[in-house]
Amino acid sequence: MVEMTAWDIIRNLLLATRWTIALSLIAFIGGMAVGLVLLPLRTTHREGVRTAAKLYVELFQGSPLLIQLFVIFFGLPLVGILPTAWTAAAVGMTLWSAAYFVEIWRGCVEAVARGQWEASASLGLTYVQQMRLVILPQALPIAIAPTVGFMVQIIKGTAITSIIGFVDLSRAGGLITNATFEPFNVYGLVAVIYFCLCWPLSHGSRLLERRLRGAHFHR
């Protein structure tokens, strides 16, 4: 048993929180980038391309994130690539979050009135021009709230990366608990820190949704 003061425990947990935040930002930004690439494929009229994008979504949404991390961390060495826990966690979280972002945005695109597609097509616009000039500007306000809201799921999902050795907030809590034998105190603090990270995003997402809904109502 290691003697640690309350400040020592809090300080070490806060230091580990930096990596939870960093991984969350990587997964958020990277997931949005991959999701933007997949969105046109997911909404195109070409059946084969749309089916391939749908399979990607179903693969990552239909399997546990833990298994995906295992496949990346333990599978890549079989082909000569030796990822660190950081790299495997970043890649796994990015690919996983992209599958959800593209579905969130697909729903927002499909929420745009069908007449907008027909009107833009009658002007001779290509599919890419329709998306860029007509559909996406209307879908963007709808997508903001659920996109911000999904950041909460990403933050909570980072806890699973501790299984492959990534020292995030959850992993640090386990290490400190093993050293101090104070699971209630340590994990209680871990829960408080997660709450402080997630609650503002959840609250902000709800406020954005209400504001955008109100703006739409008053048009």
Protein backbone atom coordinates (compact mmCIF):
# COMPACT_ATOMS: atom_id res chain seq x y z
CA MET A 1 0.00 0.00 0.00
CA VAL A 2 1.29 3.45 -0.94
CA GLU A 3 0.46 6.47 1.19
CA MET A 4 -0.98 9.24 -0.96
CA THR A 5 -2.61 12.43 0.18
CA ALA A 6 -5.90 13.56 -1.28
CA TRP A 7 -4.03 16.21 -3.26
CA ASP A 8 -1.65 13.58 -4.68
CA ILE A 9 -4.62 11.53 -5.90
CA ILE A 10 -6.40 14.54 -7.39
CA ARG A 11 -3.25 15.83 -9.06
CA ASN A 12 -2.48 12.48 -10.71
CA LEU A 13 -6.05 12.11 -11.89
CA LEU A 14 -6.01 15.61 -13.36
CA LEU A 15 -2.73 14.86 -15.14
CA ALA A 16 -4.32 11.77 -16.68
CA THR A 17 -7.38 13.83 -17.63
CA ARG A 18 -5.17 15.71 -20.11
CA TRP A 19 -4.80 12.51 -22.15
CA THR A 20 -8.53 11.78 -21.99
CA ILE A 21 -9.22 15.26 -23.36
CA ALA A 22 -6.48 14.95 -26.01
CA LEU A 23 -7.77 11.57 -27.21
CA SER A 24 -11.34 12.87 -27.24
CA LEU A 25 -10.34 15.84 -29.40
CA ILE A 26 -8.43 13.59 -31.81
CA ALA A 27 -11.41 11.24 -32.11
CA PHE A 28 -13.81 14.18 -32.50
CA ILE A 29 -11.83 16.02 -35.18
CA GLY A 30 -10.61 12.87 -36.93
CA GLY A 31 -14.04 11.28 -36.79
CA MET A 32 -15.63 14.35 -38.34
CA ALA A 33 -13.01 14.38 -41.10
CA VAL A 34 -13.58 10.71 -41.96
CA GLY A 35 -17.34 11.20 -41.59
CA LEU A 36 -17.28 14.07 -44.10
CA VAL A 37 -15.54 11.78 -46.58
CA LEU A 38 -18.10 9.04 -46.00
CA LEU A 39 -21.18 11.28 -46.09
CA PRO A 40 -21.33 11.71 -49.90
CA LEU A 41 -20.74 7.97 -50.26
CA ARG A 42 -23.53 7.24 -47.81
CA THR A 43 -26.05 9.50 -49.55
CA THR A 44 -25.10 8.99 -53.20
CA HIS A 45 -27.51 7.46 -55.69
CA ARG A 46 -24.90 4.88 -56.71
CA GLU A 47 -26.05 1.65 -55.11
CA GLY A 48 -22.64 -0.06 -54.86
CA VAL A 49 -20.90 2.92 -53.28
CA ARG A 50 -23.76 3.51 -50.86
CA THR A 51 -23.75 -0.15 -49.85
CA ALA A 52 -20.00 -0.09 -49.16
CA ALA A 53 -20.37 2.96 -46.92
CA LYS A 54 -23.32 1.32 -45.17
CA LEU A 55 -21.22 -1.79 -44.48
CA TYR A 56 -18.55 0.40 -42.86
CA VAL A 57 -21.16 1.99 -40.62
CA GLU A 58 -22.73 -1.34 -39.68
CA LEU A 59 -19.34 -2.87 -38.95
CA PHE A 60 -18.28 -0.17 -36.50
CA GLN A 61 -21.71 0.39 -34.98
CA GLY A 62 -22.51 -3.32 -34.80
CA SER A 63 -19.37 -4.47 -32.97
CA PRO A 64 -18.07 -3.47 -29.52
CA LEU A 65 -15.49 -0.68 -29.44
CA LEU A 66 -13.38 -2.91 -27.21
CA ILE A 67 -13.10 -5.57 -29.93
CA GLN A 68 -12.24 -2.93 -32.52
CA LEU A 69 -9.39 -1.71 -30.31
CA PHE A 70 -8.15 -5.28 -29.83
CA VAL A 71 -8.17 -5.89 -33.58
CA ILE A 72 -6.14 -2.73 -34.21
CA PHE A 73 -3.70 -3.14 -31.30
CA PHE A 74 -3.08 -6.88 -31.67
CA GLY A 75 -3.89 -7.30 -35.37
CA LEU A 76 -1.61 -4.70 -36.92
CA PRO A 77 1.58 -6.39 -35.60
CA LEU A 78 0.62 -9.43 -37.71
CA VAL A 79 1.22 -7.33 -40.83
CA GLY A 80 4.42 -5.77 -39.53
CA ILE A 81 2.96 -2.61 -37.96
CA LEU A 82 3.61 -2.13 -34.24
CA PRO A 83 1.20 0.54 -32.96
CA THR A 84 1.63 2.16 -29.58
CA ALA A 85 -1.35 2.25 -27.23
CA TRP A 86 -1.71 5.94 -28.14
CA THR A 87 -1.81 5.23 -31.88
CA ALA A 88 -4.19 2.28 -31.58
CA ALA A 89 -6.51 4.26 -29.32
CA ALA A 90 -6.51 7.29 -31.65
CA VAL A 91 -7.13 5.22 -34.79
CA GLY A 92 -9.79 3.04 -33.16
CA MET A 93 -11.69 5.96 -31.62
CA THR A 94 -11.52 7.94 -34.88
CA LEU A 95 -12.90 5.12 -37.04
CA TRP A 96 -15.57 4.32 -34.45
CA SER A 97 -16.73 7.92 -34.06
CA ALA A 98 -16.77 8.44 -37.85
CA ALA A 99 -19.38 5.68 -38.20
CA TYR A 100 -21.70 7.58 -35.86
CA PHE A 101 -20.99 11.02 -37.27
CA VAL A 102 -21.84 9.95 -40.80
CA GLU A 103 -25.19 8.52 -39.64
CA ILE A 104 -26.00 11.65 -37.64
CA TRP A 105 -25.27 13.81 -40.66
CA ARG A 106 -27.08 11.47 -43.06
CA GLY A 107 -30.21 11.92 -40.99
CA CYS A 108 -29.75 15.70 -41.11
CA VAL A 109 -29.28 15.63 -44.90
CA GLU A 110 -32.39 13.52 -45.32
CA ALA A 111 -34.31 15.97 -43.12
CA VAL A 112 -33.93 18.59 -45.83
CA ALA A 113 -37.12 18.73 -47.89
CA ARG A 114 -37.06 16.51 -50.97
CA GLY A 115 -38.19 19.47 -53.05
CA GLN A 116 -34.80 21.08 -52.47
CA TRP A 117 -33.12 18.16 -54.24
CA GLU A 118 -35.60 18.32 -57.09
CA ALA A 119 -35.32 22.09 -57.49
CA SER A 120 -31.51 22.01 -57.52
CA ALA A 121 -31.51 19.11 -59.98
CA SER A 122 -33.79 21.09 -62.29
CA LEU A 123 -31.13 23.81 -62.38
CA GLY A 124 -28.67 21.30 -63.79
CA LEU A 125 -26.50 21.07 -60.68
CA THR A 126 -24.37 17.98 -60.21
CA TYR A 127 -24.69 15.88 -57.06
CA VAL A 128 -21.61 17.53 -55.53
CA GLN A 129 -22.95 21.00 -56.35
CA GLN A 130 -26.34 20.10 -54.89
CA MET A 131 -24.72 19.01 -51.65
CA ARG A 132 -22.34 21.97 -51.41
CA LEU A 133 -24.63 24.78 -52.49
CA VAL A 134 -28.11 23.68 -51.46
CA ILE A 135 -28.37 20.70 -49.11
CA LEU A 136 -25.46 21.06 -46.67
CA PRO A 137 -26.14 24.74 -45.83
CA GLN A 138 -29.65 23.70 -44.76
CA ALA A 139 -28.55 20.52 -42.98
CA LEU A 140 -25.76 22.20 -41.00
CA PRO A 141 -27.96 23.96 -38.41
CA ILE A 142 -29.80 20.69 -37.78
CA ALA A 143 -26.52 18.80 -37.33
CA ILE A 144 -24.82 21.11 -34.81
CA ALA A 145 -26.64 19.97 -31.66
CA PRO A 146 -26.36 16.17 -32.16
CA THR A 147 -22.74 16.55 -33.29
CA VAL A 148 -21.82 18.40 -30.10
CA GLY A 149 -23.89 15.94 -28.08
CA PHE A 150 -21.99 12.96 -29.47
CA MET A 151 -18.78 14.40 -28.01
CA VAL A 152 -20.09 13.16 -24.66
CA GLN A 153 -20.17 9.59 -25.98
CA ILE A 154 -16.62 9.99 -27.27
CA ILE A 155 -15.34 11.15 -23.88
CA LYS A 156 -17.01 8.22 -22.13
CA GLY A 157 -15.76 5.85 -24.84
CA THR A 158 -12.14 6.77 -24.11
CA ALA A 159 -12.40 4.84 -20.84
CA ILE A 160 -12.38 1.58 -22.83
CA THR A 161 -8.93 2.37 -24.26
CA SER A 162 -7.42 1.65 -20.85
CA ILE A 163 -7.78 -2.05 -21.73
CA ILE A 164 -4.96 -1.78 -24.28
CA GLY A 165 -2.72 0.16 -21.90
CA PHE A 166 -3.60 3.74 -22.76
CA VAL A 167 -3.22 5.73 -19.55
CA ASP A 168 -6.31 7.89 -19.55
CA LEU A 169 -8.41 9.01 -16.60
CA SER A 170 -9.97 5.58 -16.15
CA ARG A 171 -6.64 3.75 -16.30
CA ALA A 172 -5.05 6.21 -13.87
CA GLY A 173 -7.92 5.61 -11.47
CA GLY A 174 -7.24 1.87 -11.59
CA LEU A 175 -3.51 2.31 -11.02
CA ILE A 176 -4.05 4.66 -8.08
CA THR A 177 -6.63 2.30 -6.59
CA ASN A 178 -4.17 -0.60 -6.79
CA ALA A 179 -1.59 1.51 -4.98
CA THR A 180 -3.79 3.05 -2.27
CA PHE A 181 -6.57 0.45 -1.80
CA GLU A 182 -9.10 3.28 -1.71
CA PRO A 183 -11.43 2.39 -4.60
CA PHE A 184 -14.42 4.35 -3.36
CA ASN A 185 -12.51 7.61 -2.96
CA VAL A 186 -10.52 7.25 -6.17
CA TYR A 187 -13.33 6.14 -8.45
CA GLY A 188 -15.62 8.69 -6.85
CA LEU A 189 -13.19 11.40 -7.95
CA VAL A 190 -12.94 9.79 -11.42
CA ALA A 191 -16.73 9.94 -11.72
CA VAL A 192 -16.76 13.61 -10.67
CA ILE A 193 -14.12 14.50 -13.28
CA TYR A 194 -16.01 12.65 -16.03
CA PHE A 195 -19.15 14.50 -14.99
CA CYS A 196 -17.33 17.85 -15.17
CA LEU A 197 -16.18 16.99 -18.68
CA CYS A 198 -19.50 15.66 -19.98
CA TRP A 199 -22.18 17.78 -18.33
CA PRO A 200 -21.31 21.11 -20.00
CA LEU A 201 -21.37 19.41 -23.41
CA SER A 202 -24.70 17.70 -22.71
CA HIS A 203 -26.19 20.94 -21.42
CA GLY A 204 -24.77 22.93 -24.33
CA SER A 205 -26.13 20.43 -26.81
CA ARG A 206 -29.64 20.75 -25.35
CA LEU A 207 -29.43 24.55 -25.40
CA LEU A 208 -28.28 24.53 -29.02
CA GLU A 209 -31.12 22.21 -29.97
CA ARG A 210 -33.71 24.45 -28.31
CA ARG A 211 -32.26 27.60 -29.83
CA LEU A 212 -32.13 26.16 -33.33
CA ARG A 213 -35.58 24.71 -32.98
CA GLY A 214 -36.88 28.09 -31.82
CA ALA A 215 -35.17 29.88 -34.71
CA HIS A 216 -36.75 27.41 -37.14
CA PHE A 217 -40.18 27.90 -35.52
CA HIS A 218 -40.04 31.70 -35.84
CA ARG A 219 -39.13 31.67 -39.55
